[in-house]
PDB file of N, CA and C in Angstrom:
ATOM      1  N   MET A   1     -11.204  -6.105  10.360  1.00  0.00           N
ATOM      2  CA  MET A   1      -9.878  -5.838  10.880  1.00  0.00           C
ATOM      3  C   MET A   1      -9.428  -4.455  10.434  1.00  0.00           C
ATOM      4  N   THR A   2      -8.548  -3.882  11.218  1.00  0.00           N
ATOM      5  CA  THR A   2      -8.097  -2.523  10.967  1.00  0.00           C
ATOM      6  C   THR A   2      -6.643  -2.519  10.512  1.00  0.00           C
ATOM      7  N   LEU A   3      -6.374  -1.754   9.456  1.00  0.00           N
ATOM      8  CA  LEU A   3      -5.012  -1.571   8.958  1.00  0.00           C
ATOM      9  C   LEU A   3      -4.473  -0.231   9.440  1.00  0.00           C
ATOM     10  N   THR A   4      -3.228  -0.212   9.884  1.00  0.00           N
ATOM     11  CA  THR A   4      -2.546   1.033  10.193  1.00  0.00           C
ATOM     12  C   THR A   4      -1.428   1.200   9.178  1.00  0.00           C
ATOM     13  N   LEU A   5      -1.472   2.312   8.460  1.00  0.00           N
ATOM     14  CA  LEU A   5      -0.492   2.612   7.416  1.00  0.00           C
ATOM     15  C   LEU A   5       0.374   3.757   7.909  1.00  0.00           C
ATOM     16  N   THR A   6       1.670   3.502   8.065  1.00  0.00           N
ATOM     17  CA  THR A   6       2.592   4.507   8.575  1.00  0.00           C
ATOM     18  C   THR A   6       3.501   4.947   7.439  1.00  0.00           C
ATOM     19  N   PHE A   7       3.537   6.254   7.193  1.00  0.00           N
ATOM     20  CA  PHE A   7       4.310   6.819   6.093  1.00  0.00           C
ATOM     21  C   PHE A   7       5.524   7.566   6.612  1.00  0.00           C
ATOM     22  N   ASP A   8       6.546   7.717   5.766  1.00  0.00           N
ATOM     23  CA  ASP A   8       7.758   8.409   6.194  1.00  0.00           C
ATOM     24  C   ASP A   8       7.628   9.928   6.152  1.00  0.00           C
ATOM     25  N   ALA A   9       6.634  10.469   5.453  1.00  0.00           N
ATOM     26  CA  ALA A   9       6.574  11.921   5.292  1.00  0.00           C
ATOM     27  C   ALA A   9       5.248  12.543   5.712  1.00  0.00           C
ATOM     28  N   GLN A  10       4.384  11.765   6.364  1.00  0.00           N
ATOM     29  CA  GLN A  10       3.113  12.318   6.816  1.00  0.00           C
ATOM     30  C   GLN A  10       2.532  11.433   7.902  1.00  0.00           C
ATOM     31  N   PRO A  11       1.480  11.900   8.585  1.00  0.00           N
ATOM     32  CA  PRO A  11       0.904  11.125   9.696  1.00  0.00           C
ATOM     33  C   PRO A  11       0.358   9.769   9.255  1.00  0.00           C
ATOM     34  N   SER A  12       0.317   8.846  10.207  1.00  0.00           N
ATOM     35  CA  SER A  12      -0.241   7.517   9.971  1.00  0.00           C
ATOM     36  C   SER A  12      -1.734   7.605   9.700  1.00  0.00           C
ATOM     37  N   VAL A  13      -2.251   6.577   9.030  1.00  0.00           N
ATOM     38  CA  VAL A  13      -3.672   6.499   8.703  1.00  0.00           C
ATOM     39  C   VAL A  13      -4.160   5.125   9.142  1.00  0.00           C
ATOM     40  N   THR A  14      -5.358   5.079   9.737  1.00  0.00           N
ATOM     41  CA  THR A  14      -5.984   3.817  10.128  1.00  0.00           C
ATOM     42  C   THR A  14      -7.257   3.652   9.312  1.00  0.00           C
ATOM     43  N   VAL A  15      -7.417   2.477   8.694  1.00  0.00           N
ATOM     44  CA  VAL A  15      -8.618   2.203   7.904  1.00  0.00           C
ATOM     45  C   VAL A  15      -9.170   0.836   8.284  1.00  0.00           C
ATOM     46  N   THR A  16     -10.485   0.712   8.201  1.00  0.00           N
ATOM     47  CA  THR A  16     -11.138  -0.577   8.411  1.00  0.00           C
ATOM     48  C   THR A  16     -11.409  -1.154   7.033  1.00  0.00           C
ATOM     49  N   GLY A  17     -11.028  -2.406   6.837  1.00  0.00           N
ATOM     50  CA  GLY A  17     -11.175  -3.008   5.511  1.00  0.00           C
ATOM     51  C   GLY A  17      -9.955  -2.714   4.670  1.00  0.00           C
ATOM     52  N   GLY A  18     -10.165  -2.451   3.390  1.00  0.00           N
ATOM     53  CA  GLY A  18      -9.052  -2.224   2.478  1.00  0.00           C
ATOM     54  C   GLY A  18      -8.761  -0.760   2.230  1.00  0.00           C
ATOM     55  N   ALA A  19      -7.576  -0.511   1.635  1.00  0.00           N
ATOM     56  CA  ALA A  19      -7.150   0.852   1.315  1.00  0.00           C
ATOM     57  C   ALA A  19      -6.645   0.902  -0.120  1.00  0.00           C
ATOM     58  N   ALA A  20      -6.949   1.998  -0.797  1.00  0.00           N
ATOM     59  CA  ALA A  20      -6.395   2.303  -2.110  1.00  0.00           C
ATOM     60  C   ALA A  20      -5.483   3.507  -1.891  1.00  0.00           C
ATOM     61  N   ILE A  21      -4.175   3.315  -2.084  1.00  0.00           N
ATOM     62  CA  ILE A  21      -3.182   4.338  -1.749  1.00  0.00           C
ATOM     63  C   ILE A  21      -2.604   4.942  -3.020  1.00  0.00           C
ATOM     64  N   GLY A  22      -2.464   6.271  -3.028  1.00  0.00           N
ATOM     65  CA  GLY A  22      -1.870   6.949  -4.174  1.00  0.00           C
ATOM     66  C   GLY A  22      -1.899   8.449  -3.988  1.00  0.00           C
ATOM     67  N   ARG A  23      -1.514   9.186  -5.056  1.00  0.00           N
ATOM     68  CA  ARG A  23      -1.530  10.657  -4.997  1.00  0.00           C
ATOM     69  C   ARG A  23      -2.966  11.189  -4.927  1.00  0.00           C
ATOM     70  N   LYS A  24      -3.856  10.638  -5.770  1.00  0.00           N
ATOM     71  CA  LYS A  24      -5.279  11.006  -5.787  1.00  0.00           C
ATOM     72  C   LYS A  24      -6.061   9.733  -6.068  1.00  0.00           C
ATOM     73  N   PRO A  25      -6.076   8.800  -5.095  1.00  0.00           N
ATOM     74  CA  PRO A  25      -6.636   7.469  -5.364  1.00  0.00           C
ATOM     75  C   PRO A  25      -8.146   7.445  -5.539  1.00  0.00           C
ATOM     76  N   ALA A  26      -8.569   6.507  -6.390  1.00  0.00           N
ATOM     77  CA  ALA A  26      -9.988   6.215  -6.555  1.00  0.00           C
ATOM     78  C   ALA A  26     -10.372   5.203  -5.479  1.00  0.00           C
ATOM     79  N   SER A  27     -11.655   5.138  -5.151  1.00  0.00           N
ATOM     80  CA  SER A  27     -12.145   4.151  -4.190  1.00  0.00           C
ATOM     81  C   SER A  27     -12.393   2.849  -4.945  1.00  0.00           C
ATOM     82  N   VAL A  28     -11.328   2.097  -5.180  1.00  0.00           N
ATOM     83  CA  VAL A  28     -11.398   0.866  -5.963  1.00  0.00           C
ATOM     84  C   VAL A  28     -12.077  -0.228  -5.148  1.00  0.00           C
ATOM     85  N   GLY A  29     -13.176  -0.766  -5.670  1.00  0.00           N
ATOM     86  CA  GLY A  29     -13.854  -1.882  -5.007  1.00  0.00           C
ATOM     87  C   GLY A  29     -14.295  -1.590  -3.584  1.00  0.00           C
ATOM     88  N   GLY A  30     -14.625  -0.337  -3.280  1.00  0.00           N
ATOM     89  CA  GLY A  30     -15.083   0.037  -1.948  1.00  0.00           C
ATOM     90  C   GLY A  30     -13.971   0.265  -0.937  1.00  0.00           C
ATOM     91  N   ARG A  31     -12.703   0.191  -1.377  1.00  0.00           N
ATOM     92  CA  ARG A  31     -11.581   0.441  -0.464  1.00  0.00           C
ATOM     93  C   ARG A  31     -11.533   1.926  -0.106  1.00  0.00           C
ATOM     94  N   THR A  32     -11.022   2.223   1.091  1.00  0.00           N
ATOM     95  CA  THR A  32     -10.875   3.604   1.524  1.00  0.00           C
ATOM     96  C   THR A  32      -9.731   4.267   0.770  1.00  0.00           C
ATOM     97  N   PRO A  33      -9.986   5.394   0.063  1.00  0.00           N
ATOM     98  CA  PRO A  33      -8.890   6.078  -0.619  1.00  0.00           C
ATOM     99  C   PRO A  33      -7.985   6.782   0.397  1.00  0.00           C
ATOM    100  N   VAL A  34      -6.672   6.584   0.264  1.00  0.00           N
ATOM    101  CA  VAL A  34      -5.691   7.212   1.145  1.00  0.00           C
ATOM    102  C   VAL A  34      -4.728   7.995   0.264  1.00  0.00           C
ATOM    103  N   ALA A  35      -4.875   9.327   0.286  1.00  0.00           N
ATOM    104  CA  ALA A  35      -4.016  10.201  -0.523  1.00  0.00           C
ATOM    105  C   ALA A  35      -2.738  10.510   0.249  1.00  0.00           C
ATOM    106  N   ILE A  36      -1.592  10.329  -0.412  1.00  0.00           N
ATOM    107  CA  ILE A  36      -0.313  10.655   0.220  1.00  0.00           C
ATOM    108  C   ILE A  36       0.522  11.504  -0.722  1.00  0.00           C
ATOM    109  N   ALA A  37       1.345  12.351  -0.116  1.00  0.00           N
ATOM    110  CA  ALA A  37       2.218  13.243  -0.883  1.00  0.00           C
ATOM    111  C   ALA A  37       3.378  12.449  -1.464  1.00  0.00           C
ATOM    112  N   SER A  38       3.735  12.786  -2.686  1.00  0.00           N
ATOM    113  CA  SER A  38       4.866  12.151  -3.363  1.00  0.00           C
ATOM    114  C   SER A  38       5.817  13.262  -3.795  1.00  0.00           C
ATOM    115  N   PRO A  39       6.858  13.530  -2.975  1.00  0.00           N
ATOM    116  CA  PRO A  39       7.758  14.656  -3.261  1.00  0.00           C
ATOM    117  C   PRO A  39       8.312  14.659  -4.693  1.00  0.00           C
ATOM    118  N   GLY A  40       8.670  13.508  -5.209  1.00  0.00           N
ATOM    119  CA  GLY A  40       9.220  13.437  -6.566  1.00  0.00           C
ATOM    120  C   GLY A  40       8.186  13.071  -7.615  1.00  0.00           C
ATOM    121  N   ARG A  41       6.899  13.039  -7.211  1.00  0.00           N
ATOM    122  CA  ARG A  41       5.783  12.682  -8.085  1.00  0.00           C
ATOM    123  C   ARG A  41       6.004  11.311  -8.746  1.00  0.00           C
ATOM    124  N   LEU A  42       6.566  10.371  -7.981  1.00  0.00           N
ATOM    125  CA  LEU A  42       6.797   9.020  -8.484  1.00  0.00           C
ATOM    126  C   LEU A  42       5.643   8.086  -8.142  1.00  0.00           C
ATOM    127  N   LEU A  43       4.671   8.588  -7.392  1.00  0.00           N
ATOM    128  CA  LEU A  43       3.519   7.801  -6.975  1.00  0.00           C
ATOM    129  C   LEU A  43       2.403   7.984  -7.996  1.00  0.00           C
ATOM    130  N   SER A  44       1.772   6.896  -8.403  1.00  0.00           N
ATOM    131  CA  SER A  44       0.645   6.964  -9.333  1.00  0.00           C
ATOM    132  C   SER A  44      -0.595   7.466  -8.604  1.00  0.00           C
ATOM    133  N   ARG A  45      -1.606   7.874  -9.373  1.00  0.00           N
ATOM    134  CA  ARG A  45      -2.857   8.340  -8.756  1.00  0.00           C
ATOM    135  C   ARG A  45      -3.395   7.270  -7.812  1.00  0.00           C
ATOM    136  N   THR A  46      -3.592   6.055  -8.307  1.00  0.00           N
ATOM    137  CA  THR A  46      -3.920   4.908  -7.464  1.00  0.00           C
ATOM    138  C   THR A  46      -2.769   3.935  -7.664  1.00  0.00           C
ATOM    139  N   HIS A  47      -1.902   3.817  -6.654  1.00  0.00           N
ATOM    140  CA  HIS A  47      -0.634   3.106  -6.782  1.00  0.00           C
ATOM    141  C   HIS A  47      -0.712   1.663  -6.294  1.00  0.00           C
ATOM    142  N   VAL A  48      -1.338   1.465  -5.124  1.00  0.00           N
ATOM    143  CA  VAL A  48      -1.352   0.136  -4.504  1.00  0.00           C
ATOM    144  C   VAL A  48      -2.654  -0.072  -3.743  1.00  0.00           C
ATOM    145  N   LEU A  49      -3.083  -1.345  -3.697  1.00  0.00           N
ATOM    146  CA  LEU A  49      -4.269  -1.735  -2.929  1.00  0.00           C
ATOM    147  C   LEU A  49      -3.807  -2.618  -1.783  1.00  0.00           C
ATOM    148  N   VAL A  50      -4.328  -2.346  -0.583  1.00  0.00           N
ATOM    149  CA  VAL A  50      -3.974  -3.134   0.597  1.00  0.00           C
ATOM    150  C   VAL A  50      -5.276  -3.644   1.208  1.00  0.00           C
ATOM    151  N   ASP A  51      -5.347  -4.967   1.412  1.00  0.00           N
ATOM    152  CA  ASP A  51      -6.558  -5.597   1.934  1.00  0.00           C
ATOM    153  C   ASP A  51      -6.202  -6.578   3.040  1.00  0.00           C
ATOM    154  N   VAL A  52      -7.235  -6.989   3.776  1.00  0.00           N
ATOM    155  CA  VAL A  52      -7.115  -8.080   4.744  1.00  0.00           C
ATOM    156  C   VAL A  52      -8.129  -9.129   4.311  1.00  0.00           C
ATOM    157  N   ASP A  53      -7.658 -10.382   4.108  1.00  0.00           N
ATOM    158  CA  ASP A  53      -8.578 -11.422   3.656  1.00  0.00           C
ATOM    159  C   ASP A  53      -9.316 -12.047   4.837  1.00  0.00           C
ATOM    160  N   GLU A  54     -10.182 -13.007   4.546  1.00  0.00           N
ATOM    161  CA  GLU A  54     -11.013 -13.631   5.579  1.00  0.00           C
ATOM    162  C   GLU A  54     -10.199 -14.415   6.604  1.00  0.00           C
ATOM    163  N   ASN A  55      -8.942 -14.724   6.294  1.00  0.00           N
ATOM    164  CA  ASN A  55      -8.057 -15.433   7.217  1.00  0.00           C
ATOM    165  C   ASN A  55      -7.158 -14.490   8.014  1.00  0.00           C
ATOM    166  N   GLY A  56      -7.361 -13.157   7.845  1.00  0.00           N
ATOM    167  CA  GLY A  56      -6.564 -12.183   8.581  1.00  0.00           C
ATOM    168  C   GLY A  56      -5.197 -11.910   7.975  1.00  0.00           C
ATOM    169  N   ARG A  57      -4.986 -12.351   6.727  1.00  0.00           N
ATOM    170  CA  ARG A  57      -3.705 -12.090   6.053  1.00  0.00           C
ATOM    171  C   ARG A  57      -3.764 -10.740   5.337  1.00  0.00           C
ATOM    172  N   ILE A  58      -2.629 -10.040   5.304  1.00  0.00           N
ATOM    173  CA  ILE A  58      -2.528  -8.762   4.593  1.00  0.00           C
ATOM    174  C   ILE A  58      -2.146  -9.059   3.147  1.00  0.00           C
ATOM    175  N   LEU A  59      -2.951  -8.537   2.214  1.00  0.00           N
ATOM    176  CA  LEU A  59      -2.700  -8.703   0.787  1.00  0.00           C
ATOM    177  C   LEU A  59      -2.367  -7.344   0.179  1.00  0.00           C
ATOM    178  N   VAL A  60      -1.307  -7.290  -0.610  1.00  0.00           N
ATOM    179  CA  VAL A  60      -0.896  -6.063  -1.275  1.00  0.00           C
ATOM    180  C   VAL A  60      -0.903  -6.312  -2.774  1.00  0.00           C
ATOM    181  N   THR A  61      -1.528  -5.382  -3.529  1.00  0.00           N
ATOM    182  CA  THR A  61      -1.602  -5.520  -4.978  1.00  0.00           C
ATOM    183  C   THR A  61      -1.145  -4.231  -5.642  1.00  0.00           C
ATOM    184  N   ASP A  62      -0.133  -4.319  -6.506  1.00  0.00           N
ATOM    185  CA  ASP A  62       0.299  -3.180  -7.317  1.00  0.00           C
ATOM    186  C   ASP A  62      -0.846  -2.875  -8.278  1.00  0.00           C
ATOM    187  N   ALA A  63      -1.387  -1.669  -8.218  1.00  0.00           N
ATOM    188  CA  ALA A  63      -2.527  -1.266  -9.047  1.00  0.00           C
ATOM    189  C   ALA A  63      -2.050  -0.793 -10.416  1.00  0.00           C
ATOM    190  N   ASP A  64      -1.125  -1.553 -11.005  1.00  0.00           N
ATOM    191  CA  ASP A  64      -0.554  -1.235 -12.316  1.00  0.00           C
ATOM    192  C   ASP A  64       0.089   0.151 -12.301  1.00  0.00           C
ATOM    193  N   SER A  65       0.850   0.413 -11.229  1.00  0.00           N
ATOM    194  CA  SER A  65       1.496   1.718 -11.043  1.00  0.00           C
ATOM    195  C   SER A  65       2.664   1.896 -12.008  1.00  0.00           C
ATOM    196  N   ALA A  66       3.012   3.149 -12.278  1.00  0.00           N
ATOM    197  CA  ALA A  66       4.106   3.455 -13.208  1.00  0.00           C
ATOM    198  C   ALA A  66       5.472   3.067 -12.639  1.00  0.00           C
ATOM    199  N   ASN A  67       5.664   3.242 -11.325  1.00  0.00           N
ATOM    200  CA  ASN A  67       6.978   3.002 -10.729  1.00  0.00           C
ATOM    201  C   ASN A  67       7.040   1.781  -9.818  1.00  0.00           C
ATOM    202  N   GLY A  68       5.983   0.992  -9.801  1.00  0.00           N
ATOM    203  CA  GLY A  68       5.998  -0.280  -9.098  1.00  0.00           C
ATOM    204  C   GLY A  68       5.888  -0.206  -7.595  1.00  0.00           C
ATOM    205  N   VAL A  69       5.756  -1.398  -7.009  1.00  0.00           N
ATOM    206  CA  VAL A  69       5.686  -1.581  -5.562  1.00  0.00           C
ATOM    207  C   VAL A  69       6.769  -2.580  -5.194  1.00  0.00           C
ATOM    208  N   GLU A  70       7.592  -2.202  -4.244  1.00  0.00           N
ATOM    209  CA  GLU A  70       8.690  -3.065  -3.810  1.00  0.00           C
ATOM    210  C   GLU A  70       8.576  -3.312  -2.318  1.00  0.00           C
ATOM    211  N   LEU A  71       8.770  -4.571  -1.911  1.00  0.00           N
ATOM    212  CA  LEU A  71       8.833  -4.884  -0.486  1.00  0.00           C
ATOM    213  C   LEU A  71      10.241  -4.544  -0.025  1.00  0.00           C
ATOM    214  N   ALA A  72      10.347  -3.712   1.010  1.00  0.00           N
ATOM    215  CA  ALA A  72      11.656  -3.307   1.534  1.00  0.00           C
ATOM    216  C   ALA A  72      12.166  -4.399   2.463  1.00  0.00           C
ATOM    217  N   THR A  73      12.446  -5.565   1.869  1.00  0.00           N
ATOM    218  CA  THR A  73      12.936  -6.727   2.597  1.00  0.00           C
ATOM    219  C   THR A  73      14.346  -7.037   2.098  1.00  0.00           C
ATOM    220  N   THR A  74      14.982  -8.021   2.697  1.00  0.00           N
ATOM    221  CA  THR A  74      16.304  -8.429   2.230  1.00  0.00           C
ATOM    222  C   THR A  74      16.202  -9.864   1.746  1.00  0.00           C
ATOM    223  N   PRO A  75      16.313 -10.126   0.462  1.00  0.00           N
ATOM    224  CA  PRO A  75      16.442  -9.138  -0.615  1.00  0.00           C
ATOM    225  C   PRO A  75      15.094  -8.467  -0.909  1.00  0.00           C
ATOM    226  N   ALA A  76      15.151  -7.306  -1.567  1.00  0.00           N
ATOM    227  CA  ALA A  76      13.939  -6.588  -1.950  1.00  0.00           C
ATOM    228  C   ALA A  76      13.158  -7.423  -2.961  1.00  0.00           C
ATOM    229  N   VAL A  77      11.832  -7.302  -2.910  1.00  0.00           N
ATOM    230  CA  VAL A  77      10.964  -8.053  -3.818  1.00  0.00           C
ATOM    231  C   VAL A  77      10.073  -7.073  -4.565  1.00  0.00           C
ATOM    232  N   GLN A  78      10.111  -7.116  -5.893  1.00  0.00           N
ATOM    233  CA  GLN A  78       9.255  -6.287  -6.729  1.00  0.00           C
ATOM    234  C   GLN A  78       7.960  -7.044  -6.969  1.00  0.00           C
ATOM    235  N   LEU A  79       6.803  -6.405  -6.704  1.00  0.00           N
ATOM    236  CA  LEU A  79       5.523  -7.071  -6.898  1.00  0.00           C
ATOM    237  C   LEU A  79       5.111  -7.034  -8.360  1.00  0.00           C
ATOM    238  N   THR A  80       4.405  -8.077  -8.779  1.00  0.00           N
ATOM    239  CA  THR A  80       3.868  -8.148 -10.139  1.00  0.00           C
ATOM    240  C   THR A  80       2.546  -7.390 -10.167  1.00  0.00           C
ATOM    241  N   PRO A  81       2.391  -6.400 -11.078  1.00  0.00           N
ATOM    242  CA  PRO A  81       1.137  -5.647 -11.139  1.00  0.00           C
ATOM    243  C   PRO A  81      -0.084  -6.551 -11.286  1.00  0.00           C
ATOM    244  N   GLY A  82      -1.118  -6.257 -10.490  1.00  0.00           N
ATOM    245  CA  GLY A  82      -2.375  -6.983 -10.559  1.00  0.00           C
ATOM    246  C   GLY A  82      -2.411  -8.302  -9.827  1.00  0.00           C
ATOM    247  N   VAL A  83      -1.281  -8.736  -9.251  1.00  0.00           N
ATOM    248  CA  VAL A  83      -1.223 -10.022  -8.558  1.00  0.00           C
ATOM    249  C   VAL A  83      -1.105  -9.782  -7.048  1.00  0.00           C
ATOM    250  N   PRO A  84      -2.127 -10.168  -6.261  1.00  0.00           N
ATOM    251  CA  PRO A  84      -2.053  -9.971  -4.806  1.00  0.00           C
ATOM    252  C   PRO A  84      -0.912 -10.780  -4.185  1.00  0.00           C
ATOM    253  N   SER A  85      -0.186 -10.162  -3.262  1.00  0.00           N
ATOM    254  CA  SER A  85       0.901 -10.819  -2.533  1.00  0.00           C
ATOM    255  C   SER A  85       0.620 -10.731  -1.048  1.00  0.00           C
ATOM    256  N   VAL A  86       0.817 -11.833  -0.331  1.00  0.00           N
ATOM    257  CA  VAL A  86       0.641 -11.855   1.120  1.00  0.00           C
ATOM    258  C   VAL A  86       1.913 -11.298   1.751  1.00  0.00           C
ATOM    259  N   ILE A  87       1.742 -10.357   2.696  1.00  0.00           N
ATOM    260  CA  ILE A  87       2.891  -9.809   3.417  1.00  0.00           C
ATOM    261  C   ILE A  87       2.656  -9.966   4.922  1.00  0.00           C
ATOM    262  N   ALA A  88       3.735  -9.925   5.669  1.00  0.00           N
ATOM    263  CA  ALA A  88       3.642  -9.981   7.130  1.00  0.00           C
ATOM    264  C   ALA A  88       3.348  -8.588   7.672  1.00  0.00           C
ATOM    265  N   ALA A  89       2.635  -8.532   8.788  1.00  0.00           N
ATOM    266  CA  ALA A  89       2.427  -7.251   9.475  1.00  0.00           C
ATOM    267  C   ALA A  89       3.792  -6.664   9.800  1.00  0.00           C
ATOM    268  N   GLY A  90       3.922  -5.350   9.640  1.00  0.00           N
ATOM    269  CA  GLY A  90       5.189  -4.683   9.916  1.00  0.00           C
ATOM    270  C   GLY A  90       6.079  -4.543   8.698  1.00  0.00           C
ATOM    271  N   THR A  91       5.638  -5.084   7.548  1.00  0.00           N
ATOM    272  CA  THR A  91       6.415  -4.973   6.305  1.00  0.00           C
ATOM    273  C   THR A  91       6.345  -3.544   5.784  1.00  0.00           C
ATOM    274  N   THR A  92       7.477  -3.049   5.289  1.00  0.00           N
ATOM    275  CA  THR A  92       7.534  -1.728   4.674  1.00  0.00           C
ATOM    276  C   THR A  92       7.513  -1.876   3.162  1.00  0.00           C
ATOM    277  N   LEU A  93       6.672  -1.060   2.524  1.00  0.00           N
ATOM    278  CA  LEU A  93       6.558  -1.032   1.070  1.00  0.00           C
ATOM    279  C   LEU A  93       7.235   0.226   0.554  1.00  0.00           C
ATOM    280  N   LEU A  94       7.926   0.114  -0.577  1.00  0.00           N
ATOM    281  CA  LEU A  94       8.454   1.291  -1.263  1.00  0.00           C
ATOM    282  C   LEU A  94       7.518   1.553  -2.427  1.00  0.00           C
ATOM    283  N   LEU A  95       6.829   2.696  -2.363  1.00  0.00           N
ATOM    284  CA  LEU A  95       5.851   3.089  -3.373  1.00  0.00           C
ATOM    285  C   LEU A  95       6.414   4.307  -4.104  1.00  0.00           C
ATOM    286  N   GLY A  96       7.130   4.090  -5.180  1.00  0.00           N
ATOM    287  CA  GLY A  96       7.781   5.209  -5.865  1.00  0.00           C
ATOM    288  C   GLY A  96       8.827   5.818  -4.954  1.00  0.00           C
ATOM    289  N   ASP A  97       8.529   7.004  -4.405  1.00  0.00           N
ATOM    290  CA  ASP A  97       9.468   7.689  -3.502  1.00  0.00           C
ATOM    291  C   ASP A  97       8.934   7.789  -2.072  1.00  0.00           C
ATOM    292  N   VAL A  98       7.963   6.941  -1.723  1.00  0.00           N
ATOM    293  CA  VAL A  98       7.334   6.972  -0.416  1.00  0.00           C
ATOM    294  C   VAL A  98       7.439   5.594   0.237  1.00  0.00           C
ATOM    295  N   HIS A  99       7.784   5.572   1.536  1.00  0.00           N
ATOM    296  CA  HIS A  99       7.793   4.331   2.310  1.00  0.00           C
ATOM    297  C   HIS A  99       6.499   4.247   3.113  1.00  0.00           C
ATOM    298  N   CYS A 100       5.900   3.047   3.140  1.00  0.00           N
ATOM    299  CA  CYS A 100       4.670   2.804   3.878  1.00  0.00           C
ATOM    300  C   CYS A 100       4.821   1.485   4.627  1.00  0.00           C
ATOM    301  N   THR A 101       4.676   1.532   5.953  1.00  0.00           N
ATOM    302  CA  THR A 101       4.723   0.320   6.773  1.00  0.00           C
ATOM    303  C   THR A 101       3.291  -0.072   7.098  1.00  0.00           C
ATOM    304  N   VAL A 102       2.963  -1.354   6.859  1.00  0.00           N
ATOM    305  CA  VAL A 102       1.599  -1.852   7.014  1.00  0.00           C
ATOM    306  C   VAL A 102       1.523  -2.711   8.264  1.00  0.00           C
ATOM    307  N   ASN A 103       0.577  -2.378   9.147  1.00  0.00           N
ATOM    308  CA  ASN A 103       0.340  -3.163  10.357  1.00  0.00           C
ATOM    309  C   ASN A 103      -1.134  -3.491  10.480  1.00  0.00           C
ATOM    310  N   LEU A 104      -1.417  -4.537  11.223  1.00  0.00           N
ATOM    311  CA  LEU A 104      -2.775  -5.020  11.407  1.00  0.00           C
ATOM    312  C   LEU A 104      -3.138  -4.897  12.884  1.00  0.00           C
ATOM    313  N   GLU A 105      -4.305  -4.317  13.147  1.00  0.00           N
ATOM    314  CA  GLU A 105      -4.769  -4.139  14.530  1.00  0.00           C
ATOM    315  C   GLU A 105      -5.818  -5.186  14.831  1.00  0.00           C
TER     316      GLU A 105
END
């Protein structure tokens, strides 16, 4: 399955499989590294991991980032570092000072 990651300050990115998102992300567990600009430098090198499981669910994991991962929902939900959370397609994540909307193709 393909993930489309849409950011507020740069072009969208499409990846097959999982993504490791951050300022200078490592390829964690074979995930595609997706480097994004962080104007206030609030984004960790590897900030968040986004995967699709065998059932087609989107899983988001805070990669023990300094400023956390928050679901931009009502009410907002702060993710627990290292614990995968299932999100719906179209959910927006707040990653430090960057917004990322995750969709599944």
